[in-house]
Amino acid sequence: MRVAIVGAGALGSVYGSRLATYAGCDVSVVARAPCPPGTERLERVEDGEVLRWAVPARLTAAPLDADVILAFVRYEQLDSLRARVTGSAAPVVVMTPMMPQDHASLAAALPGRIVTGMPSVVSYRNEAGAIRYWLPKMATTFVDEGNAPSDGVLAELVKRLTRADIGAKLAPDVLARNVATTVSFIPLAMALDVAGSIDAVLHDGDLLSLALRAADEGRDLGKTVGKAEAWASMLLRFVGPMTLKVGVGLARSRAPEAVAYVEQHFGRKLHAQNVAMARRIVELAVQKGTSHEALATLLQRLTQK
């Protein structure tokens, strides 16, 4: 199976390396700029497995013979996806979280080719340049079955992902599931971005209160679109100022690297993405007629950062 990975970051590298190494896939990598072949070191956190992946030369567009394309571009770069996959006719599984507006725009630009995906891998690049990642057993990579090509390429992709130890399945309504989940938890990530660290959020009572109100608004908005993943619903059902502090304390003692990942990923790295996504969420709330005062205020604080 010929798989093109668009987006040469940590997440795309985990999917690409495991598909190439364990699932017999011919993997190509598409990046914004061409780059010669190299080697990535990938370290699985749960069991210490080290994978050294000989990355092929990075291309600037998906190859014509790709069977399927997996897109891991940053949210604010979704508009650039069309130019990077236009030469191919393969289905494009977008693993970047999308709002309905984003999906509609891409589907219009690439008719019949856009497939919503929802990744389950957690990954980041550490200061030494290695990619550290988790393959949570309780999480599943979903691929929308609603517009699956008749040739079975998406079913084959799911089979290859499973062979690579990335739990995956075809499922209905993945876009709705993804939107409902994203709008539920992203306000907390936005607050972390504003404050810069988890401790700063926990010690800023006004910001924490704003984030929790925004999370409630996000949850209500999500219900108008679809059903959020169980973990997101459970998190928001029990989250509060005191429970957050207790939860962070437990996480630091049991999984300090995971806490560091959250701070790096949402607190420092994804500001442009958080701003762009927050704007889309507020826009969607206006469209759906749901309360969004706290979301709009949080967006204002993000843009003033």
Protein backbone atom coordinates (compact mmCIF):
# COMPACT_ATOMS: atom_id res chain seq x y z
CA MET A 1 0.00 0.00 0.00
CA ARG A 2 1.36 3.42 -0.98
CA VAL A 3 0.75 6.00 1.76
CA ALA A 4 1.65 9.69 1.53
CA ILE A 5 2.08 11.58 4.80
CA VAL A 6 1.44 15.33 4.49
CA GLY A 7 3.01 17.12 7.43
CA ALA A 8 6.46 16.10 8.60
CA GLY A 9 5.94 16.79 12.30
CA ALA A 10 6.02 14.41 15.23
CA LEU A 11 2.52 12.99 14.73
CA GLY A 12 2.90 12.33 11.01
CA SER A 13 6.30 10.76 11.66
CA VAL A 14 4.85 8.25 14.13
CA TYR A 15 2.13 7.15 11.71
CA GLY A 16 4.52 7.08 8.78
CA SER A 17 7.31 5.22 10.55
CA ARG A 18 5.06 2.54 12.01
CA LEU A 19 3.20 2.00 8.73
CA ALA A 20 6.52 1.65 6.91
CA THR A 21 8.22 -0.53 9.51
CA TYR A 22 5.45 -2.83 10.75
CA ALA A 23 2.68 -2.73 8.12
CA GLY A 24 4.58 -3.11 4.85
CA CYS A 25 3.55 0.28 3.47
CA ASP A 26 5.52 2.29 0.93
CA VAL A 27 5.52 5.66 2.71
CA SER A 28 6.34 9.03 1.19
CA VAL A 29 6.52 12.29 3.13
CA VAL A 30 5.24 15.65 1.89
CA ALA A 31 6.60 18.77 3.55
CA ARG A 32 6.46 22.50 2.83
CA ALA A 33 10.03 22.44 1.56
CA PRO A 34 12.00 19.64 -0.14
CA CYS A 35 14.49 17.86 2.06
CA PRO A 36 16.98 15.02 1.48
CA PRO A 37 16.58 11.61 3.16
CA GLY A 38 17.40 11.35 6.84
CA THR A 39 16.82 9.24 9.93
CA GLU A 40 14.33 9.88 12.72
CA ARG A 41 14.64 8.42 16.20
CA LEU A 42 11.25 7.56 17.66
CA GLU A 43 10.89 6.47 21.29
CA ARG A 44 7.71 4.84 22.54
CA VAL A 45 7.11 5.99 26.09
CA GLU A 46 5.13 3.00 27.37
CA ASP A 47 7.71 0.29 26.72
CA GLY A 48 10.89 2.13 25.75
CA GLU A 49 10.87 0.76 22.19
CA VAL A 50 13.24 2.72 19.95
CA LEU A 51 12.53 2.92 16.24
CA ARG A 52 15.03 4.40 13.80
CA TRP A 53 13.17 5.31 10.64
CA ALA A 54 14.99 5.99 7.38
CA VAL A 55 12.80 8.87 6.21
CA PRO A 56 12.60 9.17 2.41
CA ALA A 57 13.37 12.46 0.71
CA ARG A 58 10.60 14.91 1.53
CA LEU A 59 8.45 15.95 -1.42
CA THR A 60 6.52 19.17 -1.91
CA ALA A 61 3.40 17.44 -3.26
CA ALA A 62 1.77 14.03 -2.88
CA PRO A 63 2.94 11.50 -5.48
CA LEU A 64 0.56 10.59 -8.29
CA ASP A 65 0.62 6.88 -7.39
CA ALA A 66 -0.40 7.27 -3.73
CA ASP A 67 -3.26 4.99 -2.67
CA VAL A 68 -4.17 7.17 0.29
CA ILE A 69 -2.97 10.43 1.80
CA LEU A 70 -2.85 11.12 5.55
CA ALA A 71 -2.78 14.83 6.38
CA PHE A 72 -1.28 16.04 9.66
CA VAL A 73 -0.93 19.74 8.84
CA ARG A 74 -1.37 22.34 11.55
CA TYR A 75 -4.86 23.75 11.87
CA GLU A 76 -3.97 27.21 10.63
CA GLN A 77 -2.38 25.61 7.55
CA LEU A 78 -5.42 23.64 6.41
CA ASP A 79 -5.92 25.99 3.48
CA SER A 80 -2.50 24.95 2.12
CA LEU A 81 -3.54 21.30 1.91
CA ARG A 82 -5.21 21.57 -1.50
CA ALA A 83 -2.01 22.62 -3.29
CA ARG A 84 -0.06 19.77 -1.69
CA VAL A 85 -2.42 16.99 -2.82
CA THR A 86 -3.87 18.34 -6.09
CA GLY A 87 -1.74 16.20 -8.42
CA SER A 88 -3.03 12.98 -6.87
CA ALA A 89 -6.53 11.47 -7.03
CA ALA A 90 -6.18 9.53 -3.76
CA PRO A 91 -8.54 10.05 -0.81
CA VAL A 92 -7.19 12.52 1.76
CA VAL A 93 -7.71 11.45 5.38
CA VAL A 94 -7.45 14.70 7.35
CA MET A 95 -6.17 13.95 10.84
CA THR A 96 -6.07 17.63 11.76
CA PRO A 97 -9.12 18.56 13.87
CA MET A 98 -11.61 20.37 11.63
CA MET A 99 -14.63 22.51 12.31
CA PRO A 100 -17.62 22.05 9.96
CA GLN A 101 -16.60 25.24 8.12
CA ASP A 102 -13.14 23.80 7.42
CA HIS A 103 -14.54 20.51 6.17
CA ALA A 104 -16.98 22.29 3.85
CA SER A 105 -14.19 24.41 2.38
CA LEU A 106 -11.86 21.47 1.76
CA ALA A 107 -14.65 19.27 0.41
CA ALA A 108 -15.52 21.98 -2.11
CA ALA A 109 -11.89 22.35 -3.15
CA LEU A 110 -11.27 18.58 -3.38
CA PRO A 111 -14.66 17.03 -4.29
CA GLY A 112 -15.14 13.44 -3.18
CA ARG A 113 -11.66 13.15 -1.68
CA ILE A 114 -11.85 14.55 1.86
CA VAL A 115 -12.21 11.94 4.62
CA THR A 116 -12.34 12.97 8.26
CA GLY A 117 -9.90 11.20 10.55
CA MET A 118 -9.36 11.35 14.30
CA PRO A 119 -5.89 10.32 15.52
CA SER A 120 -5.20 8.44 18.73
CA VAL A 121 -1.43 8.88 18.95
CA VAL A 122 0.15 11.44 21.30
CA SER A 123 3.61 12.66 20.30
CA TYR A 124 6.15 15.46 20.58
CA ARG A 125 9.76 16.17 19.66
CA ASN A 126 12.04 16.60 22.67
CA GLU A 127 15.04 18.90 23.03
CA ALA A 128 17.40 16.16 21.83
CA GLY A 129 15.49 15.93 18.54
CA ALA A 130 13.93 12.53 19.24
CA ILE A 131 10.21 11.95 18.83
CA ARG A 132 8.58 10.69 22.02
CA TYR A 133 5.14 9.14 21.67
CA TRP A 134 2.35 7.18 23.32
CA LEU A 135 -0.05 4.66 21.75
CA PRO A 136 -2.92 4.74 24.26
CA LYS A 137 -4.70 1.39 24.36
CA MET A 138 -8.01 3.03 25.27
CA ALA A 139 -7.94 5.33 22.23
CA THR A 140 -8.77 4.53 18.61
CA THR A 141 -7.82 6.20 15.35
CA PHE A 142 -11.13 6.74 13.56
CA VAL A 143 -11.51 7.00 9.79
CA ASP A 144 -14.90 8.13 8.49
CA GLU A 145 -16.69 5.46 6.53
CA GLY A 146 -19.29 7.81 5.07
CA ASN A 147 -17.50 8.50 1.81
CA ALA A 148 -15.22 5.47 1.66
CA PRO A 149 -14.08 4.69 -1.90
CA SER A 150 -15.56 1.52 -3.39
CA ASP A 151 -12.08 0.03 -3.85
CA GLY A 152 -11.73 -0.59 -0.10
CA VAL A 153 -8.62 1.56 0.32
CA LEU A 154 -9.77 2.98 3.66
CA ALA A 155 -10.56 -0.48 5.03
CA GLU A 156 -7.07 -1.53 3.96
CA LEU A 157 -5.61 1.53 5.69
CA VAL A 158 -7.35 0.61 8.92
CA LYS A 159 -6.01 -2.93 8.61
CA ARG A 160 -2.46 -1.63 8.11
CA LEU A 161 -2.74 0.79 11.05
CA THR A 162 -3.90 -2.04 13.28
CA ARG A 163 -0.98 -4.16 12.12
CA ALA A 164 1.29 -1.27 13.12
CA ASP A 165 -0.19 -1.42 16.66
CA ILE A 166 -2.20 1.76 16.15
CA GLY A 167 -5.76 0.77 17.02
CA ALA A 168 -8.01 1.94 14.19
CA LYS A 169 -11.50 1.46 12.78
CA LEU A 170 -13.89 2.78 10.18
CA ALA A 171 -16.72 4.66 11.88
CA PRO A 172 -19.67 6.87 10.96
CA ASP A 173 -19.95 10.60 11.73
CA VAL A 174 -16.28 11.09 12.61
CA LEU A 175 -16.48 14.82 11.82
CA ALA A 176 -19.33 15.33 14.30
CA ARG A 177 -17.51 13.24 16.93
CA ASN A 178 -14.30 15.19 16.40
CA VAL A 179 -15.97 18.61 16.53
CA ALA A 180 -17.94 17.75 19.67
CA THR A 181 -14.80 16.48 21.41
CA THR A 182 -12.57 19.36 20.30
CA VAL A 183 -14.89 22.19 21.33
CA SER A 184 -15.33 20.53 24.72
CA PHE A 185 -11.71 20.52 25.82
CA ILE A 186 -10.01 23.19 23.68
CA PRO A 187 -11.05 26.08 26.01
CA LEU A 188 -8.78 24.60 28.69
CA ALA A 189 -5.93 24.47 26.18
CA MET A 190 -6.66 28.08 25.23
CA ALA A 191 -6.37 29.12 28.88
CA LEU A 192 -3.05 27.29 29.15
CA ASP A 193 -1.86 29.20 26.09
CA VAL A 194 -2.89 32.52 27.68
CA ALA A 195 -1.17 31.75 30.99
CA GLY A 196 1.89 29.90 29.65
CA SER A 197 1.87 27.07 32.19
CA ILE A 198 -0.49 24.83 34.11
CA ASP A 199 0.50 26.34 37.45
CA ALA A 200 -0.13 29.84 36.11
CA VAL A 201 -3.68 28.82 35.11
CA LEU A 202 -4.35 27.20 38.48
CA HIS A 203 -3.14 30.29 40.36
CA ASP A 204 -5.14 32.75 38.26
CA GLY A 205 -8.64 32.43 39.65
CA ASP A 206 -10.25 34.73 37.10
CA LEU A 207 -8.67 32.96 34.13
CA LEU A 208 -9.51 29.52 35.51
CA SER A 209 -13.12 30.53 36.07
CA LEU A 210 -13.30 31.95 32.55
CA ALA A 211 -11.84 28.74 31.10
CA LEU A 212 -14.33 26.55 32.95
CA ARG A 213 -17.25 28.71 31.77
CA ALA A 214 -15.89 28.55 28.22
CA ALA A 215 -15.58 24.77 28.53
CA ASP A 216 -19.25 24.60 29.55
CA GLU A 217 -20.15 26.70 26.50
CA GLY A 218 -17.99 24.44 24.33
CA ARG A 219 -19.72 21.34 25.68
CA ASP A 220 -23.15 22.85 24.95
CA LEU A 221 -22.01 23.78 21.45
CA GLY A 222 -20.64 20.29 20.89
CA LYS A 223 -24.01 18.74 21.71
CA THR A 224 -25.55 20.60 18.75
CA VAL A 225 -23.08 18.89 16.43
CA GLY A 226 -22.52 15.37 17.75
CA LYS A 227 -21.45 13.21 20.67
CA ALA A 228 -18.06 13.87 22.26
CA GLU A 229 -15.67 11.07 23.11
CA ALA A 230 -16.38 9.59 26.53
CA TRP A 231 -13.10 10.80 28.02
CA ALA A 232 -13.91 14.43 27.16
CA SER A 233 -17.42 14.22 28.59
CA MET A 234 -16.12 12.62 31.79
CA LEU A 235 -13.33 15.18 32.14
CA LEU A 236 -15.70 18.13 31.93
CA ARG A 237 -18.32 16.51 34.16
CA PHE A 238 -15.93 16.38 37.10
CA VAL A 239 -13.57 19.27 36.36
CA GLY A 240 -13.44 22.23 38.71
CA PRO A 241 -10.86 24.46 40.43
CA MET A 242 -10.10 21.97 43.22
CA THR A 243 -10.38 18.80 41.15
CA LEU A 244 -8.05 20.27 38.52
CA LYS A 245 -5.41 20.99 41.15
CA VAL A 246 -5.70 17.48 42.58
CA GLY A 247 -5.65 15.95 39.10
CA VAL A 248 -2.56 17.89 38.04
CA GLY A 249 -0.79 16.87 41.26
CA LEU A 250 -1.54 13.19 40.63
CA ALA A 251 -0.48 13.47 37.00
CA ARG A 252 2.83 15.06 37.94
CA SER A 253 3.61 12.25 40.35
CA ARG A 254 2.56 9.43 38.03
CA ALA A 255 3.20 10.76 34.52
CA PRO A 256 5.43 13.84 34.66
CA GLU A 257 6.37 13.58 30.99
CA ALA A 258 2.72 13.74 29.97
CA VAL A 259 2.25 16.96 31.96
CA ALA A 260 5.38 18.44 30.36
CA TYR A 261 3.99 17.48 26.95
CA VAL A 262 0.69 19.27 27.62
CA GLU A 263 2.50 22.42 28.71
CA GLN A 264 4.81 22.40 25.70
CA HIS A 265 2.16 21.45 23.17
CA PHE A 266 -0.64 23.78 24.22
CA GLY A 267 1.18 26.41 26.27
CA ARG A 268 3.99 27.39 23.93
CA LYS A 269 3.83 25.65 20.57
CA LEU A 270 0.32 26.03 19.16
CA HIS A 271 -0.58 29.67 19.72
CA ALA A 272 -1.43 30.38 16.05
CA GLN A 273 -3.50 27.20 15.91
CA ASN A 274 -5.34 28.03 19.13
CA VAL A 275 -6.25 31.51 17.89
CA ALA A 276 -7.46 30.23 14.51
CA MET A 277 -9.48 27.43 16.09
CA ALA A 278 -10.97 29.70 18.74
CA ARG A 279 -12.21 32.04 16.02
CA ARG A 280 -13.83 29.14 14.20
CA ILE A 281 -15.46 27.89 17.41
CA VAL A 282 -16.94 31.29 18.23
CA GLU A 283 -18.13 31.57 14.62
CA LEU A 284 -19.79 28.15 14.91
CA ALA A 285 -21.44 29.09 18.22
CA VAL A 286 -22.91 32.22 16.61
CA GLN A 287 -24.17 30.08 13.73
CA LYS A 288 -25.71 27.51 16.09
CA GLY A 289 -27.16 30.14 18.42
CA THR A 290 -25.43 28.84 21.56
CA SER A 291 -23.95 30.91 24.38
CA HIS A 292 -20.39 32.02 23.67
CA GLU A 293 -19.60 35.00 25.91
CA ALA A 294 -16.80 33.21 27.78
CA LEU A 295 -15.43 31.70 24.56
CA ALA A 296 -15.32 35.13 22.93
CA THR A 297 -13.60 36.64 25.99
CA LEU A 298 -11.03 33.84 26.00
CA LEU A 299 -10.43 34.43 22.28
CA GLN A 300 -9.87 38.13 22.99
CA ARG A 301 -7.28 37.29 25.64
CA LEU A 302 -5.56 34.90 23.24
CA THR A 303 -5.29 37.52 20.51
CA GLN A 304 -3.89 40.06 23.00
CA LYS A 305 -1.11 37.72 24.11
